Amino acid sequence: MKVTSKGQVTIPRDVRAAMGILPAETEVEFVKGENNNWYLKKVSGKSRELSRFRKAAKIGKLRMSTDEIMALTREA
């Protein structure tokens, strides 16, 4: 597998399917094992906090004013 100039690799489709990795929904991390090998680990979705924009998208309504939407994105 080749690494791009930006340090990116493509996780093969069968590996993504077996691990349940979904685009834009799943986070992964690299973990160093006891034998100095590196492993790809799927990060639990429950431990990951949503960004303020994703939170706003979940509660936003189509009929909201621009000011109401901006207020949602500014909440911490």
Protein backbone atom coordinates (compact mmCIF):
# COMPACT_ATOMS: atom_id res chain seq x y z
CA MET A 1 0.00 0.00 0.00
CA LYS A 2 1.44 3.37 -0.98
CA VAL A 3 1.49 6.44 1.21
CA THR A 4 0.62 9.78 -0.45
CA SER A 5 2.77 12.87 -0.09
CA LYS A 6 0.32 14.00 2.62
CA GLY A 7 0.88 10.79 4.61
CA GLN A 8 -2.49 9.29 3.66
CA VAL A 9 -3.35 5.69 2.88
CA THR A 10 -6.56 4.04 1.74
CA ILE A 11 -7.98 1.42 4.09
CA PRO A 12 -9.08 -1.47 1.87
CA ARG A 13 -12.84 -1.95 1.49
CA ASP A 14 -12.86 -5.43 3.05
CA VAL A 15 -10.98 -4.16 6.10
CA ARG A 16 -13.38 -1.20 6.49
CA ALA A 17 -16.35 -3.56 6.21
CA ALA A 18 -14.91 -6.05 8.72
CA MET A 19 -14.13 -3.29 11.23
CA GLY A 20 -17.36 -1.35 10.66
CA ILE A 21 -15.51 1.78 9.56
CA LEU A 22 -17.90 4.28 7.96
CA PRO A 23 -16.91 7.45 6.06
CA ALA A 24 -17.30 10.70 8.04
CA GLU A 25 -18.64 8.75 11.05
CA THR A 26 -15.77 6.63 12.31
CA GLU A 27 -12.49 7.69 13.87
CA VAL A 28 -9.45 5.47 13.98
CA GLU A 29 -6.13 5.72 15.75
CA PHE A 30 -2.78 4.00 15.49
CA VAL A 31 -1.67 2.04 18.55
CA LYS A 32 1.83 0.68 19.17
CA GLY A 33 1.79 -2.91 20.45
CA GLU A 34 4.16 -4.59 22.89
CA ASN A 35 6.11 -6.12 20.00
CA ASN A 36 6.68 -2.65 18.42
CA ASN A 37 4.15 -3.35 15.65
CA TRP A 38 1.55 -0.68 14.90
CA TYR A 39 -2.17 -1.44 14.81
CA LEU A 40 -5.20 0.38 13.49
CA LYS A 41 -7.87 0.74 16.19
CA LYS A 42 -11.44 1.91 15.71
CA VAL A 43 -12.29 4.58 18.28
CA SER A 44 -15.60 4.09 20.04
CA GLY A 45 -18.20 6.57 18.80
CA LYS A 46 -19.50 7.12 22.34
CA SER A 47 -16.18 8.48 23.61
CA ARG A 48 -15.91 10.93 20.73
CA GLU A 49 -17.48 14.31 21.37
CA LEU A 50 -19.36 15.90 18.50
CA SER A 51 -18.16 19.24 17.23
CA ARG A 52 -20.41 22.21 17.89
CA PHE A 53 -21.34 22.23 14.19
CA ARG A 54 -22.45 18.58 14.20
CA LYS A 55 -24.45 19.23 17.40
CA ALA A 56 -26.12 22.22 15.73
CA ALA A 57 -26.90 20.17 12.62
CA LYS A 58 -28.67 17.57 14.76
CA ILE A 59 -30.95 20.11 16.47
CA GLY A 60 -31.28 22.73 13.72
CA LYS A 61 -34.59 23.19 11.95
CA LEU A 62 -35.22 24.22 8.35
CA ARG A 63 -37.39 27.15 9.44
CA MET A 64 -34.78 28.68 11.76
CA SER A 65 -33.54 32.19 11.09
CA THR A 66 -29.91 32.86 10.32
CA ASP A 67 -29.49 34.42 13.78
CA GLU A 68 -30.90 31.27 15.44
CA ILE A 69 -28.56 29.04 13.45
CA MET A 70 -25.55 31.24 14.25
CA ALA A 71 -26.48 31.11 17.95
CA LEU A 72 -26.39 27.30 17.80
CA THR A 73 -22.89 27.25 16.28
CA ARG A 74 -21.58 29.74 18.84
CA GLU A 75 -22.65 27.71 21.87
CA ALA A 76 -19.79 25.98 23.61
